[in-house]
Amino acid sequence: MTDFPAEMAQITSRKGWAKASYDQRIWVPCPRGLPEGWDRQRWAREFAEAWWGLSGLPHGQHELEKLATLLDYVYESTWGPESRIPCHLVFIHLPDPRMLPLPVYLSIFAALGRKEEQLRRLARVDDPALVKPPVVEEFSTPDLGPGLRVLRYVRGEDEGEVDVGLSYVWRSEEYETDLRLFAGTFDLARLEQAIPDTDELARQITVVPREP
C-alpha cells in the first residue's frame, strides 16, 4: 500500500480499506503509485492510446495528444505535490474518449464521532458556500448498507461561477471506517452524464481489512 503524506496518514482508517469492481470500458484507474519505469506522462499516453483504440472511433495524433494531456492534468492535480484533494483512490469516468475526463475520488477515513453527524459533515451538507439547499438522499449498497448521496451547488472560485459536487458517504462499523466517494465540476451536464455510472461504481465498493 502506497504511503500517504503525513496529514492524510493521520485521518486514514487504520483498520479498513476499500476495493471496487468497475467496468474497465468506462473507468480509467488513476493510482498514486505507478509501476516501476512509469511516470505520469507514460501512464497518460498509454491510456489515451488504449481508450481511442478500444473505441473504434476514427482519430489521429491530435486526438491522442489531447486526451493524454487531459489525463496527465488529472493525475498531476490529484497526486502532485501541490494537490490538497483528500483522497486515497481515484477512478476517472471516461466512457467515450471525446468526453472530458471526470475524476471520481474515494476517501477512506477513520470513523469519528456520531455516524449521522459525521456523514453529513463528510458530504458537506451544511457547506456555507451552498447557493441553494442540497439534494440529500439515502443511498444503500449491498456491502456498505445505508448511506447518503448528496448533490450540492456551491459558489465557485470565479465570480458568478457555480460548481456542482456529488458525494456518497457510508460508515463501516465493523472496520471503524468512513468512506466518501465524490466528484466536482463546473459542468453540470458532464456530471449528470456520469451519475448513473457513478451510482453503479458506488454499489460495487466493499470494505476489507487494511493490510499492514
N, C-alpha and C. Protein backbone atom coordinates (compact mmCIF):
# COMPACT_ATOMS: atom_id res chain seq x y z
N MET A 1 0.85 -1.20 0.00
CA MET A 1 0.00 0.00 0.00
C MET A 1 0.88 1.24 0.00
N THR A 2 0.59 2.17 -0.86
CA THR A 2 1.41 3.37 -1.00
C THR A 2 1.29 4.27 0.22
N ASP A 3 2.43 4.79 0.68
CA ASP A 3 2.41 5.73 1.79
C ASP A 3 1.77 7.04 1.36
N PHE A 4 1.11 7.71 2.31
CA PHE A 4 0.48 8.98 2.03
C PHE A 4 1.15 10.07 2.85
N PRO A 5 0.99 11.32 2.44
CA PRO A 5 1.55 12.42 3.22
C PRO A 5 1.06 12.37 4.66
N ALA A 6 1.83 12.99 5.56
CA ALA A 6 1.54 12.89 6.99
C ALA A 6 0.12 13.35 7.32
N GLU A 7 -0.33 14.44 6.69
CA GLU A 7 -1.67 14.95 7.03
C GLU A 7 -2.77 13.98 6.63
N MET A 8 -2.54 13.20 5.56
CA MET A 8 -3.52 12.19 5.16
C MET A 8 -3.41 10.95 6.03
N ALA A 9 -2.19 10.59 6.40
CA ALA A 9 -1.99 9.40 7.23
C ALA A 9 -2.71 9.54 8.56
N GLN A 10 -2.79 10.75 9.08
CA GLN A 10 -3.41 10.97 10.38
C GLN A 10 -4.91 10.69 10.37
N ILE A 11 -5.56 10.89 9.23
CA ILE A 11 -7.02 10.71 9.19
C ILE A 11 -7.43 9.45 8.44
N THR A 12 -6.47 8.71 7.91
CA THR A 12 -6.77 7.49 7.18
C THR A 12 -7.14 6.37 8.13
N SER A 13 -8.11 5.56 7.74
CA SER A 13 -8.51 4.43 8.59
C SER A 13 -7.34 3.50 8.81
N ARG A 14 -7.20 3.03 10.04
CA ARG A 14 -6.15 2.07 10.36
C ARG A 14 -6.64 0.63 10.25
N LYS A 15 -7.95 0.46 10.17
CA LYS A 15 -8.50 -0.90 10.19
C LYS A 15 -9.11 -1.33 8.85
N GLY A 16 -9.66 -0.38 8.10
CA GLY A 16 -10.35 -0.74 6.87
C GLY A 16 -9.72 -0.13 5.64
N TRP A 17 -9.94 -0.79 4.53
CA TRP A 17 -9.54 -0.26 3.23
C TRP A 17 -10.71 -0.50 2.28
N ALA A 18 -10.66 0.03 1.10
CA ALA A 18 -11.77 -0.10 0.15
C ALA A 18 -11.29 -0.72 -1.15
N LYS A 19 -12.15 -1.53 -1.72
CA LYS A 19 -11.93 -2.08 -3.05
C LYS A 19 -13.20 -1.88 -3.85
N ALA A 20 -13.05 -1.81 -5.17
CA ALA A 20 -14.23 -1.61 -6.02
C ALA A 20 -14.05 -2.39 -7.31
N SER A 21 -15.09 -3.10 -7.69
CA SER A 21 -15.15 -3.67 -9.03
C SER A 21 -15.71 -2.58 -9.95
N TYR A 22 -15.18 -2.47 -11.15
CA TYR A 22 -15.67 -1.41 -12.04
C TYR A 22 -15.52 -1.85 -13.48
N ASP A 23 -16.34 -1.26 -14.32
CA ASP A 23 -16.33 -1.54 -15.74
C ASP A 23 -15.10 -0.90 -16.36
N GLN A 24 -14.17 -1.71 -16.83
CA GLN A 24 -12.92 -1.19 -17.35
C GLN A 24 -13.06 -0.52 -18.71
N ARG A 25 -14.26 -0.55 -19.28
CA ARG A 25 -14.51 0.20 -20.52
C ARG A 25 -14.95 1.63 -20.21
N ILE A 26 -15.29 1.89 -18.95
CA ILE A 26 -15.84 3.18 -18.55
C ILE A 26 -14.89 3.96 -17.66
N TRP A 27 -14.16 3.26 -16.79
CA TRP A 27 -13.34 3.90 -15.76
C TRP A 27 -11.85 3.68 -16.02
N VAL A 28 -11.10 4.75 -15.96
CA VAL A 28 -9.64 4.70 -16.04
C VAL A 28 -9.09 4.71 -14.61
N PRO A 29 -8.36 3.68 -14.19
CA PRO A 29 -7.78 3.71 -12.85
C PRO A 29 -6.64 4.72 -12.79
N CYS A 30 -6.57 5.46 -11.69
CA CYS A 30 -5.56 6.51 -11.56
C CYS A 30 -4.82 6.30 -10.23
N PRO A 31 -3.89 5.34 -10.17
CA PRO A 31 -3.23 5.01 -8.91
C PRO A 31 -2.16 6.02 -8.53
N ARG A 32 -1.98 6.21 -7.25
CA ARG A 32 -0.93 7.12 -6.79
C ARG A 32 0.46 6.56 -7.11
N GLY A 33 0.61 5.27 -6.92
CA GLY A 33 1.87 4.63 -7.23
C GLY A 33 1.81 3.96 -8.60
N LEU A 34 2.78 4.26 -9.46
CA LEU A 34 2.81 3.69 -10.81
C LEU A 34 3.84 2.57 -10.87
N PRO A 35 3.71 1.67 -11.85
CA PRO A 35 4.69 0.58 -11.99
C PRO A 35 6.10 1.12 -12.19
N GLU A 36 7.07 0.32 -11.82
CA GLU A 36 8.46 0.72 -12.00
C GLU A 36 8.73 1.07 -13.47
N GLY A 37 9.40 2.18 -13.68
CA GLY A 37 9.71 2.61 -15.03
C GLY A 37 8.66 3.49 -15.67
N TRP A 38 7.54 3.69 -14.97
CA TRP A 38 6.48 4.55 -15.50
C TRP A 38 6.54 5.91 -14.82
N ASP A 39 6.11 6.94 -15.55
CA ASP A 39 5.80 8.24 -14.96
C ASP A 39 4.40 8.63 -15.41
N ARG A 40 3.93 9.76 -14.97
CA ARG A 40 2.53 10.10 -15.27
C ARG A 40 2.32 10.34 -16.76
N GLN A 41 3.36 10.84 -17.46
CA GLN A 41 3.22 11.07 -18.89
C GLN A 41 3.04 9.74 -19.64
N ARG A 42 3.80 8.73 -19.25
CA ARG A 42 3.64 7.43 -19.89
C ARG A 42 2.28 6.84 -19.56
N TRP A 43 1.88 6.96 -18.29
CA TRP A 43 0.56 6.46 -17.89
C TRP A 43 -0.53 7.12 -18.74
N ALA A 44 -0.47 8.44 -18.86
CA ALA A 44 -1.49 9.18 -19.62
C ALA A 44 -1.48 8.77 -21.08
N ARG A 45 -0.31 8.61 -21.65
CA ARG A 45 -0.20 8.24 -23.06
C ARG A 45 -0.75 6.84 -23.31
N GLU A 46 -0.39 5.91 -22.43
CA GLU A 46 -0.83 4.52 -22.60
C GLU A 46 -2.35 4.43 -22.57
N PHE A 47 -2.98 5.13 -21.62
CA PHE A 47 -4.44 5.05 -21.52
C PHE A 47 -5.12 5.83 -22.63
N ALA A 48 -4.53 6.92 -23.08
CA ALA A 48 -5.11 7.65 -24.21
C ALA A 48 -5.12 6.76 -25.45
N GLU A 49 -4.02 6.08 -25.71
CA GLU A 49 -3.96 5.19 -26.86
C GLU A 49 -4.94 4.03 -26.71
N ALA A 50 -5.02 3.46 -25.50
CA ALA A 50 -5.92 2.33 -25.28
C ALA A 50 -7.38 2.74 -25.45
N TRP A 51 -7.74 3.90 -24.90
CA TRP A 51 -9.16 4.32 -24.96
C TRP A 51 -9.58 4.64 -26.38
N TRP A 52 -8.71 5.31 -27.12
CA TRP A 52 -9.07 5.59 -28.50
C TRP A 52 -9.10 4.30 -29.32
N GLY A 53 -8.15 3.42 -29.06
CA GLY A 53 -8.13 2.16 -29.81
C GLY A 53 -9.36 1.31 -29.55
N LEU A 54 -9.76 1.20 -28.29
CA LEU A 54 -10.92 0.38 -27.95
C LEU A 54 -12.22 1.00 -28.44
N SER A 55 -12.25 2.32 -28.62
CA SER A 55 -13.48 2.99 -29.01
C SER A 55 -13.90 2.66 -30.44
N GLY A 56 -12.92 2.36 -31.30
CA GLY A 56 -13.22 2.12 -32.71
C GLY A 56 -13.53 3.38 -33.47
N LEU A 57 -13.38 4.53 -32.84
CA LEU A 57 -13.67 5.81 -33.49
C LEU A 57 -12.46 6.28 -34.29
N PRO A 58 -12.70 6.96 -35.40
CA PRO A 58 -11.56 7.50 -36.16
C PRO A 58 -10.84 8.57 -35.34
N HIS A 59 -9.52 8.55 -35.38
CA HIS A 59 -8.74 9.51 -34.62
C HIS A 59 -7.34 9.60 -35.19
N GLY A 60 -6.64 10.63 -34.82
CA GLY A 60 -5.27 10.83 -35.26
C GLY A 60 -4.40 11.27 -34.09
N GLN A 61 -3.22 11.76 -34.42
CA GLN A 61 -2.27 12.17 -33.39
C GLN A 61 -2.82 13.29 -32.52
N HIS A 62 -3.55 14.21 -33.13
CA HIS A 62 -4.10 15.33 -32.36
C HIS A 62 -5.03 14.84 -31.26
N GLU A 63 -5.92 13.90 -31.59
CA GLU A 63 -6.87 13.40 -30.61
C GLU A 63 -6.15 12.64 -29.49
N LEU A 64 -5.12 11.86 -29.87
CA LEU A 64 -4.35 11.13 -28.86
C LEU A 64 -3.66 12.10 -27.90
N GLU A 65 -3.02 13.11 -28.45
CA GLU A 65 -2.29 14.06 -27.62
C GLU A 65 -3.23 14.85 -26.71
N LYS A 66 -4.39 15.20 -27.23
CA LYS A 66 -5.35 15.96 -26.42
C LYS A 66 -5.80 15.16 -25.22
N LEU A 67 -6.16 13.89 -25.43
CA LEU A 67 -6.62 13.07 -24.31
C LEU A 67 -5.47 12.79 -23.34
N ALA A 68 -4.28 12.53 -23.86
CA ALA A 68 -3.13 12.30 -22.98
C ALA A 68 -2.86 13.52 -22.11
N THR A 69 -2.99 14.71 -22.69
CA THR A 69 -2.77 15.94 -21.92
C THR A 69 -3.80 16.09 -20.81
N LEU A 70 -5.06 15.78 -21.12
CA LEU A 70 -6.12 15.87 -20.12
C LEU A 70 -5.91 14.87 -18.99
N LEU A 71 -5.53 13.64 -19.33
CA LEU A 71 -5.28 12.63 -18.30
C LEU A 71 -4.08 13.01 -17.44
N ASP A 72 -3.05 13.53 -18.09
CA ASP A 72 -1.86 13.98 -17.37
C ASP A 72 -2.25 15.06 -16.36
N TYR A 73 -3.11 15.98 -16.77
CA TYR A 73 -3.55 17.05 -15.87
C TYR A 73 -4.31 16.48 -14.67
N VAL A 74 -5.19 15.51 -14.94
CA VAL A 74 -5.94 14.91 -13.83
C VAL A 74 -4.98 14.26 -12.84
N TYR A 75 -4.00 13.54 -13.36
CA TYR A 75 -3.05 12.86 -12.47
C TYR A 75 -2.27 13.86 -11.62
N GLU A 76 -1.75 14.89 -12.26
CA GLU A 76 -0.95 15.86 -11.54
C GLU A 76 -1.79 16.63 -10.52
N SER A 77 -3.02 16.99 -10.89
CA SER A 77 -3.86 17.75 -9.97
C SER A 77 -4.34 16.90 -8.80
N THR A 78 -4.32 15.57 -8.98
CA THR A 78 -4.74 14.67 -7.91
C THR A 78 -3.58 14.28 -7.01
N TRP A 79 -2.47 13.85 -7.60
CA TRP A 79 -1.37 13.28 -6.83
C TRP A 79 -0.13 14.17 -6.78
N GLY A 80 -0.14 15.28 -7.48
CA GLY A 80 1.03 16.15 -7.49
C GLY A 80 1.28 16.79 -6.13
N PRO A 81 2.48 17.36 -5.93
CA PRO A 81 2.85 17.91 -4.62
C PRO A 81 2.00 19.09 -4.18
N GLU A 82 1.34 19.76 -5.12
CA GLU A 82 0.50 20.91 -4.75
C GLU A 82 -0.95 20.52 -4.49
N SER A 83 -1.29 19.26 -4.69
CA SER A 83 -2.68 18.83 -4.54
C SER A 83 -3.10 18.80 -3.07
N ARG A 84 -4.34 19.18 -2.82
CA ARG A 84 -4.91 19.11 -1.48
C ARG A 84 -6.21 18.30 -1.50
N ILE A 85 -6.35 17.44 -2.49
CA ILE A 85 -7.56 16.62 -2.57
C ILE A 85 -7.43 15.46 -1.58
N PRO A 86 -8.32 15.36 -0.60
CA PRO A 86 -8.19 14.33 0.44
C PRO A 86 -8.77 12.98 -0.03
N CYS A 87 -7.99 12.26 -0.83
CA CYS A 87 -8.48 11.01 -1.37
C CYS A 87 -7.41 9.94 -1.32
N HIS A 88 -7.86 8.69 -1.43
CA HIS A 88 -6.95 7.55 -1.41
C HIS A 88 -6.97 6.75 -2.71
N LEU A 89 -8.10 6.74 -3.39
CA LEU A 89 -8.25 6.04 -4.66
C LEU A 89 -8.96 6.98 -5.64
N VAL A 90 -8.66 6.81 -6.93
CA VAL A 90 -9.27 7.66 -7.94
C VAL A 90 -9.65 6.82 -9.16
N PHE A 91 -10.86 7.07 -9.65
CA PHE A 91 -11.35 6.44 -10.87
C PHE A 91 -11.80 7.56 -11.80
N ILE A 92 -11.35 7.53 -13.05
CA ILE A 92 -11.69 8.59 -13.99
C ILE A 92 -12.80 8.11 -14.92
N HIS A 93 -13.92 8.81 -14.90
CA HIS A 93 -15.05 8.46 -15.74
C HIS A 93 -14.76 8.88 -17.17
N LEU A 94 -14.73 7.89 -18.09
CA LEU A 94 -14.42 8.20 -19.48
C LEU A 94 -15.01 7.13 -20.40
N PRO A 95 -16.33 7.10 -20.54
CA PRO A 95 -16.94 6.11 -21.42
C PRO A 95 -16.72 6.37 -22.90
N ASP A 96 -16.27 7.59 -23.23
CA ASP A 96 -16.03 7.99 -24.62
C ASP A 96 -14.79 8.87 -24.62
N PRO A 97 -13.78 8.56 -25.43
CA PRO A 97 -12.54 9.35 -25.40
C PRO A 97 -12.72 10.79 -25.85
N ARG A 98 -13.87 11.12 -26.41
CA ARG A 98 -14.12 12.50 -26.82
C ARG A 98 -14.65 13.34 -25.66
N MET A 99 -14.98 12.69 -24.56
CA MET A 99 -15.52 13.40 -23.41
C MET A 99 -14.41 13.95 -22.53
N LEU A 100 -14.76 14.91 -21.68
CA LEU A 100 -13.81 15.44 -20.71
C LEU A 100 -13.65 14.42 -19.58
N PRO A 101 -12.43 13.96 -19.30
CA PRO A 101 -12.23 13.01 -18.20
C PRO A 101 -12.71 13.61 -16.87
N LEU A 102 -13.51 12.85 -16.13
CA LEU A 102 -14.05 13.33 -14.86
C LEU A 102 -13.55 12.43 -13.72
N PRO A 103 -12.64 12.94 -12.88
CA PRO A 103 -12.15 12.12 -11.77
C PRO A 103 -13.20 11.97 -10.67
N VAL A 104 -13.31 10.76 -10.16
CA VAL A 104 -14.17 10.46 -9.02
C VAL A 104 -13.27 9.91 -7.92
N TYR A 105 -13.28 10.56 -6.78
CA TYR A 105 -12.33 10.29 -5.71
C TYR A 105 -12.98 9.45 -4.60
N LEU A 106 -12.16 8.61 -3.97
CA LEU A 106 -12.64 7.81 -2.85
C LEU A 106 -11.72 8.04 -1.66
N SER A 107 -12.30 8.49 -0.56
CA SER A 107 -11.57 8.72 0.69
C SER A 107 -11.90 7.63 1.69
N ILE A 108 -10.88 7.20 2.44
CA ILE A 108 -11.03 6.11 3.39
C ILE A 108 -10.54 6.62 4.74
N PHE A 109 -11.48 7.09 5.56
CA PHE A 109 -11.12 7.78 6.79
C PHE A 109 -11.42 6.93 8.03
N ALA A 110 -10.71 7.23 9.10
CA ALA A 110 -11.06 6.65 10.39
C ALA A 110 -12.41 7.20 10.82
N ALA A 111 -13.28 6.34 11.32
CA ALA A 111 -14.61 6.77 11.77
C ALA A 111 -14.47 7.63 13.03
N LEU A 112 -15.10 8.78 12.99
CA LEU A 112 -15.04 9.70 14.12
C LEU A 112 -16.45 10.17 14.49
N GLY A 113 -16.72 10.30 15.77
CA GLY A 113 -17.96 10.89 16.22
C GLY A 113 -19.21 10.09 15.88
N ARG A 114 -20.35 10.76 16.05
CA ARG A 114 -21.63 10.13 15.76
C ARG A 114 -21.78 9.93 14.26
N LYS A 115 -22.32 8.79 13.87
CA LYS A 115 -22.38 8.43 12.46
C LYS A 115 -23.12 9.47 11.63
N GLU A 116 -24.33 9.80 12.03
CA GLU A 116 -25.15 10.69 11.22
C GLU A 116 -24.49 12.06 11.03
N GLU A 117 -23.96 12.59 12.13
CA GLU A 117 -23.34 13.90 12.07
C GLU A 117 -22.08 13.87 11.21
N GLN A 118 -21.27 12.83 11.37
CA GLN A 118 -20.03 12.77 10.61
C GLN A 118 -20.26 12.57 9.12
N LEU A 119 -21.25 11.74 8.77
CA LEU A 119 -21.52 11.53 7.35
C LEU A 119 -22.01 12.81 6.70
N ARG A 120 -22.83 13.55 7.38
CA ARG A 120 -23.29 14.83 6.84
C ARG A 120 -22.12 15.81 6.69
N ARG A 121 -21.19 15.76 7.65
CA ARG A 121 -20.03 16.64 7.56
C ARG A 121 -19.15 16.25 6.37
N LEU A 122 -18.91 14.94 6.21
CA LEU A 122 -18.07 14.50 5.10
C LEU A 122 -18.70 14.85 3.75
N ALA A 123 -20.03 14.76 3.67
CA ALA A 123 -20.73 15.09 2.42
C ALA A 123 -20.96 16.58 2.26
N ARG A 124 -20.56 17.36 3.27
CA ARG A 124 -20.66 18.82 3.24
C ARG A 124 -22.09 19.29 3.00
N VAL A 125 -22.99 18.66 3.71
CA VAL A 125 -24.40 19.01 3.59
C VAL A 125 -24.67 20.44 4.01
N ASP A 126 -23.91 20.93 5.00
CA ASP A 126 -24.14 22.27 5.54
C ASP A 126 -23.05 23.25 5.13
N ASP A 127 -22.44 23.04 3.98
CA ASP A 127 -21.38 23.90 3.48
C ASP A 127 -21.88 25.34 3.37
N PRO A 128 -21.16 26.29 3.98
CA PRO A 128 -21.61 27.69 3.91
C PRO A 128 -21.53 28.28 2.50
N ALA A 129 -20.83 27.59 1.58
CA ALA A 129 -20.74 28.09 0.20
C ALA A 129 -21.91 27.65 -0.67
N LEU A 130 -22.86 26.90 -0.11
CA LEU A 130 -24.01 26.45 -0.88
C LEU A 130 -24.82 27.63 -1.40
N VAL A 131 -25.27 27.51 -2.66
CA VAL A 131 -26.10 28.56 -3.22
C VAL A 131 -27.58 28.20 -3.15
N LYS A 132 -27.88 26.94 -2.84
CA LYS A 132 -29.25 26.51 -2.59
C LYS A 132 -29.20 25.21 -1.80
N PRO A 133 -30.30 24.80 -1.18
CA PRO A 133 -30.26 23.59 -0.36
C PRO A 133 -29.82 22.38 -1.18
N PRO A 134 -28.99 21.52 -0.60
CA PRO A 134 -28.53 20.33 -1.33
C PRO A 134 -29.63 19.29 -1.46
N VAL A 135 -29.46 18.39 -2.42
CA VAL A 135 -30.37 17.26 -2.58
C VAL A 135 -29.75 16.08 -1.81
N VAL A 136 -30.38 15.71 -0.72
CA VAL A 136 -29.85 14.65 0.16
C VAL A 136 -30.77 13.44 0.07
N GLU A 137 -30.21 12.29 -0.31
CA GLU A 137 -30.98 11.07 -0.46
C GLU A 137 -30.26 9.92 0.23
N GLU A 138 -31.02 8.94 0.72
CA GLU A 138 -30.39 7.73 1.23
C GLU A 138 -29.90 6.91 0.05
N PHE A 139 -28.70 6.33 0.22
CA PHE A 139 -28.12 5.52 -0.85
C PHE A 139 -27.49 4.29 -0.19
N SER A 140 -28.06 3.14 -0.47
CA SER A 140 -27.60 1.89 0.12
C SER A 140 -26.88 1.04 -0.90
N THR A 141 -25.93 0.24 -0.42
CA THR A 141 -25.24 -0.72 -1.28
C THR A 141 -25.25 -2.08 -0.59
N PRO A 142 -25.08 -3.16 -1.36
CA PRO A 142 -25.11 -4.50 -0.76
C PRO A 142 -24.09 -4.69 0.34
N ASP A 143 -22.90 -4.12 0.19
CA ASP A 143 -21.85 -4.35 1.18
C ASP A 143 -21.82 -3.30 2.27
N LEU A 144 -22.07 -2.05 1.91
CA LEU A 144 -21.90 -0.96 2.87
C LEU A 144 -23.16 -0.61 3.63
N GLY A 145 -24.32 -1.06 3.13
CA GLY A 145 -25.57 -0.72 3.79
C GLY A 145 -25.98 0.71 3.50
N PRO A 146 -26.81 1.29 4.37
CA PRO A 146 -27.34 2.63 4.10
C PRO A 146 -26.30 3.73 4.28
N GLY A 147 -26.34 4.67 3.37
CA GLY A 147 -25.51 5.87 3.46
C GLY A 147 -26.26 7.03 2.85
N LEU A 148 -25.54 8.04 2.42
CA LEU A 148 -26.16 9.22 1.83
C LEU A 148 -25.55 9.51 0.46
N ARG A 149 -26.39 10.04 -0.42
CA ARG A 149 -25.91 10.63 -1.67
C ARG A 149 -26.35 12.09 -1.66
N VAL A 150 -25.40 12.99 -1.89
CA VAL A 150 -25.68 14.42 -1.75
C VAL A 150 -25.22 15.15 -3.01
N LEU A 151 -26.13 15.91 -3.61
CA LEU A 151 -25.82 16.76 -4.75
C LEU A 151 -25.85 18.21 -4.27
N ARG A 152 -24.73 18.91 -4.48
CA ARG A 152 -24.58 20.25 -3.93
C ARG A 152 -24.21 21.25 -5.03
N TYR A 153 -24.69 22.47 -4.88
CA TYR A 153 -24.32 23.57 -5.76
C TYR A 153 -23.66 24.64 -4.89
N VAL A 154 -22.41 24.97 -5.22
CA VAL A 154 -21.66 25.90 -4.38
C VAL A 154 -21.05 27.00 -5.23
N ARG A 155 -20.74 28.11 -4.56
CA ARG A 155 -20.07 29.22 -5.25
C ARG A 155 -18.68 28.78 -5.71
N GLY A 156 -18.37 29.04 -6.96
CA GLY A 156 -17.06 28.71 -7.49
C GLY A 156 -16.02 29.75 -7.15
N GLU A 157 -14.78 29.49 -7.54
CA GLU A 157 -13.70 30.43 -7.26
C GLU A 157 -13.83 31.69 -8.09
N ASP A 158 -14.34 31.56 -9.31
CA ASP A 158 -14.55 32.73 -10.16
C ASP A 158 -15.89 33.37 -9.84
N GLU A 159 -15.94 34.68 -9.89
CA GLU A 159 -17.17 35.40 -9.57
C GLU A 159 -18.30 34.98 -10.50
N GLY A 160 -19.42 34.64 -9.91
CA GLY A 160 -20.59 34.25 -10.68
C GLY A 160 -20.61 32.78 -11.07
N GLU A 161 -19.52 32.05 -10.83
CA GLU A 161 -19.47 30.64 -11.21
C GLU A 161 -20.09 29.78 -10.13
N VAL A 162 -20.82 28.75 -10.54
CA VAL A 162 -21.41 27.79 -9.62
C VAL A 162 -20.84 26.42 -9.93
N ASP A 163 -20.26 25.78 -8.94
CA ASP A 163 -19.74 24.43 -9.10
C ASP A 163 -20.75 23.44 -8.54
N VAL A 164 -20.73 22.24 -9.08
CA VAL A 164 -21.64 21.20 -8.61
C VAL A 164 -20.80 20.04 -8.08
N GLY A 165 -21.21 19.50 -6.94
CA GLY A 165 -20.49 18.40 -6.33
C GLY A 165 -21.44 17.25 -6.01
N LEU A 166 -20.94 16.05 -6.14
CA LEU A 166 -21.70 14.84 -5.84
C LEU A 166 -20.91 14.03 -4.84
N SER A 167 -21.53 13.63 -3.73
CA SER A 167 -20.86 12.84 -2.71
C SER A 167 -21.73 11.66 -2.29
N TYR A 168 -21.07 10.54 -2.01
CA TYR A 168 -21.68 9.36 -1.41
C TYR A 168 -20.89 9.08 -0.14
N VAL A 169 -21.56 8.84 0.96
CA VAL A 169 -20.85 8.59 2.22
C VAL A 169 -21.48 7.41 2.96
N TRP A 170 -20.62 6.63 3.60
CA TRP A 170 -21.07 5.48 4.39
C TRP A 170 -20.14 5.31 5.59
N ARG A 171 -20.59 4.53 6.56
CA ARG A 171 -19.74 4.11 7.67
C ARG A 171 -19.75 2.60 7.79
N SER A 172 -18.56 2.01 7.91
CA SER A 172 -18.42 0.60 8.25
C SER A 172 -18.13 0.51 9.73
N GLU A 173 -19.13 0.08 10.50
CA GLU A 173 -18.93 -0.07 11.93
C GLU A 173 -17.91 -1.17 12.22
N GLU A 174 -17.94 -2.23 11.43
CA GLU A 174 -17.04 -3.36 11.64
C GLU A 174 -15.58 -2.93 11.56
N TYR A 175 -15.25 -2.07 10.59
CA TYR A 175 -13.86 -1.67 10.39
C TYR A 175 -13.58 -0.24 10.87
N GLU A 176 -14.57 0.35 11.55
CA GLU A 176 -14.40 1.71 12.09
C GLU A 176 -13.88 2.66 11.01
N THR A 177 -14.56 2.61 9.87
CA THR A 177 -14.11 3.33 8.69
C THR A 177 -15.25 4.12 8.06
N ASP A 178 -14.98 5.36 7.72
CA ASP A 178 -15.93 6.19 6.97
C ASP A 178 -15.42 6.33 5.53
N LEU A 179 -16.33 6.19 4.58
CA LEU A 179 -15.99 6.31 3.16
C LEU A 179 -16.71 7.50 2.55
N ARG A 180 -16.00 8.19 1.66
CA ARG A 180 -16.62 9.24 0.87
C ARG A 180 -16.19 9.09 -0.58
N LEU A 181 -17.14 8.88 -1.47
CA LEU A 181 -16.92 8.86 -2.91
C LEU A 181 -17.43 10.18 -3.44
N PHE A 182 -16.61 10.93 -4.20
CA PHE A 182 -17.06 12.26 -4.58
C PHE A 182 -16.45 12.74 -5.88
N ALA A 183 -17.15 13.68 -6.50
CA ALA A 183 -16.71 14.33 -7.73
C ALA A 183 -17.21 15.76 -7.71
N GLY A 184 -16.53 16.62 -8.43
CA GLY A 184 -16.95 18.01 -8.51
C GLY A 184 -16.52 18.63 -9.83
N THR A 185 -17.32 19.54 -10.35
CA THR A 185 -17.01 20.20 -11.61
C THR A 185 -17.88 21.44 -11.75
N PHE A 186 -17.48 22.31 -12.66
CA PHE A 186 -18.32 23.47 -13.01
C PHE A 186 -19.35 23.10 -14.07
N ASP A 187 -19.22 21.89 -14.64
CA ASP A 187 -20.04 21.47 -15.78
C ASP A 187 -21.13 20.51 -15.31
N LEU A 188 -22.32 21.04 -15.03
CA LEU A 188 -23.40 20.22 -14.53
C LEU A 188 -23.77 19.11 -15.50
N ALA A 189 -23.81 19.42 -16.79
CA ALA A 189 -24.18 18.41 -17.79
C ALA A 189 -23.20 17.24 -17.77
N ARG A 190 -21.90 17.55 -17.61
CA ARG A 190 -20.91 16.48 -17.58
C ARG A 190 -21.10 15.59 -16.34
N LEU A 191 -21.39 16.20 -15.21
CA LEU A 191 -21.63 15.41 -14.00
C LEU A 191 -22.88 14.55 -14.15
N GLU A 192 -23.92 15.12 -14.72
CA GLU A 192 -25.16 14.35 -14.92
C GLU A 192 -24.92 13.14 -15.81
N GLN A 193 -24.03 13.28 -16.81
CA GLN A 193 -23.69 12.13 -17.65
C GLN A 193 -23.08 11.00 -16.82
N ALA A 194 -22.34 11.36 -15.79
CA ALA A 194 -21.59 10.37 -15.02
C ALA A 194 -22.38 9.75 -13.88
N ILE A 195 -23.50 10.34 -13.48
CA ILE A 195 -24.19 9.88 -12.28
C ILE A 195 -24.62 8.41 -12.36
N PRO A 196 -25.25 7.94 -13.44
CA PRO A 196 -25.64 6.52 -13.46
C PRO A 196 -24.45 5.58 -13.30
N ASP A 197 -23.34 5.86 -13.96
CA ASP A 197 -22.16 5.02 -13.83
C ASP A 197 -21.54 5.14 -12.44
N THR A 198 -21.60 6.34 -11.86
CA THR A 198 -21.04 6.53 -10.52
C THR A 198 -21.91 5.84 -9.48
N ASP A 199 -23.22 5.85 -9.67
CA ASP A 199 -24.10 5.07 -8.80
C ASP A 199 -23.70 3.59 -8.82
N GLU A 200 -23.44 3.07 -10.01
CA GLU A 200 -23.07 1.67 -10.14
C GLU A 200 -21.71 1.40 -9.52
N LEU A 201 -20.76 2.30 -9.72
CA LEU A 201 -19.46 2.16 -9.07
C LEU A 201 -19.62 2.12 -7.56
N ALA A 202 -20.45 3.01 -7.03
CA ALA A 202 -20.66 3.06 -5.58
C ALA A 202 -21.20 1.73 -5.06
N ARG A 203 -22.07 1.10 -5.81
CA ARG A 203 -22.66 -0.17 -5.37
C ARG A 203 -21.64 -1.31 -5.34
N GLN A 204 -20.52 -1.13 -6.03
CA GLN A 204 -19.50 -2.18 -6.10
C GLN A 204 -18.39 -2.01 -5.07
N ILE A 205 -18.46 -0.97 -4.26
CA ILE A 205 -17.40 -0.72 -3.27
C ILE A 205 -17.59 -1.64 -2.07
N THR A 206 -16.51 -2.22 -1.62
CA THR A 206 -16.52 -3.04 -0.41
C THR A 206 -15.40 -2.58 0.52
N VAL A 207 -15.60 -2.83 1.79
CA VAL A 207 -14.56 -2.54 2.79
C VAL A 207 -13.90 -3.84 3.21
N VAL A 208 -12.57 -3.84 3.22
CA VAL A 208 -11.79 -5.02 3.56
C VAL A 208 -10.79 -4.64 4.64
N PRO A 209 -10.23 -5.63 5.33
CA PRO A 209 -9.21 -5.30 6.34
C PRO A 209 -8.03 -4.60 5.69
N ARG A 210 -7.53 -3.59 6.36
CA ARG A 210 -6.37 -2.87 5.83
C ARG A 210 -5.11 -3.70 6.02
N GLU A 211 -4.34 -3.79 4.96
CA GLU A 211 -3.07 -4.51 5.04
C GLU A 211 -2.04 -3.66 5.78
N PRO A 212 -1.10 -4.30 6.48
CA PRO A 212 -0.08 -3.55 7.21
C PRO A 212 0.73 -2.66 6.26
